[in-house]
Amino acid sequence: MKKQWLAVEAGETIGEAYERLQNSGFQIVGRREVPVFEEVDGQPVPLRQQIEFCVIRLKDEQ
């Protein structure tokens, strides 16, 4: 089973992303939030959190 990380798309809720991934034949096995920064006047400023799901392809879908 190969794991991969897929991000929640911009403008998509966590629930919508979860449903999209399940309908695409993935099983969600983990979740992480990665901070995204932008540089303002040479200093990092928090912009948002990027939410990603760790997924594996279901056996019957391979």
Protein backbone atom coordinates (compact mmCIF):
# COMPACT_ATOMS: atom_id res chain seq x y z
CA MET A 1 0.00 0.00 0.00
CA LYS A 2 1.49 3.26 -1.13
CA LYS A 3 0.61 6.28 1.00
CA GLN A 4 0.39 9.77 -0.44
CA TRP A 5 -0.56 13.21 0.86
CA LEU A 6 -3.37 15.08 -0.89
CA ALA A 7 -4.33 18.65 -0.02
CA VAL A 8 -7.73 20.18 0.65
CA GLU A 9 -8.36 22.44 -2.35
CA ALA A 10 -8.86 26.20 -2.02
CA GLY A 11 -12.52 27.00 -1.35
CA GLU A 12 -13.25 23.40 -0.34
CA THR A 13 -14.35 22.39 3.14
CA ILE A 14 -12.69 19.53 4.99
CA GLY A 15 -15.91 17.54 4.67
CA GLU A 16 -16.08 18.11 0.91
CA ALA A 17 -12.44 17.05 0.51
CA TYR A 18 -13.04 13.94 2.63
CA GLU A 19 -16.03 12.99 0.50
CA ARG A 20 -14.16 13.70 -2.77
CA LEU A 21 -11.26 11.47 -1.73
CA GLN A 22 -13.54 8.62 -0.62
CA ASN A 23 -15.51 8.82 -3.88
CA SER A 24 -12.20 8.63 -5.78
CA GLY A 25 -11.38 5.27 -4.15
CA PHE A 26 -9.08 6.44 -1.36
CA GLN A 27 -9.10 5.56 2.32
CA ILE A 28 -7.95 8.34 4.63
CA VAL A 29 -5.38 7.15 7.17
CA GLY A 30 -4.02 10.46 8.50
CA ARG A 31 -4.23 14.22 8.49
CA ARG A 32 -1.75 17.05 8.96
CA GLU A 33 -1.81 20.82 8.94
CA VAL A 34 1.13 22.68 7.46
CA PRO A 35 1.51 26.42 8.07
CA VAL A 36 1.89 28.57 4.95
CA PHE A 37 3.81 31.82 5.31
CA GLU A 38 4.43 34.85 3.12
CA GLU A 39 7.30 37.24 3.49
CA VAL A 40 6.46 40.83 4.42
CA ASP A 41 9.33 43.29 4.89
CA GLY A 42 11.76 40.38 5.21
CA GLN A 43 9.75 38.71 7.97
CA PRO A 44 7.61 35.56 7.67
CA VAL A 45 3.93 36.25 8.30
CA PRO A 46 1.43 33.38 8.78
CA LEU A 47 -0.94 33.27 5.82
CA ARG A 48 -3.06 30.13 6.36
CA GLN A 49 -2.97 26.46 7.26
CA GLN A 50 -2.69 23.91 4.44
CA ILE A 51 -4.66 20.80 5.44
CA GLU A 52 -3.55 17.52 3.88
CA PHE A 53 -4.89 13.98 4.14
CA CYS A 54 -2.69 10.88 4.02
CA VAL A 55 -4.49 8.40 1.80
CA ILE A 56 -4.11 4.90 0.41
CA ARG A 57 -5.90 3.42 -2.59
CA LEU A 58 -8.52 0.84 -1.62
CA LYS A 59 -7.60 -2.71 -2.68
CA ASP A 60 -10.59 -3.26 -4.95
CA GLU A 61 -9.74 -0.04 -6.86
CA GLN A 62 -6.15 -1.00 -7.83
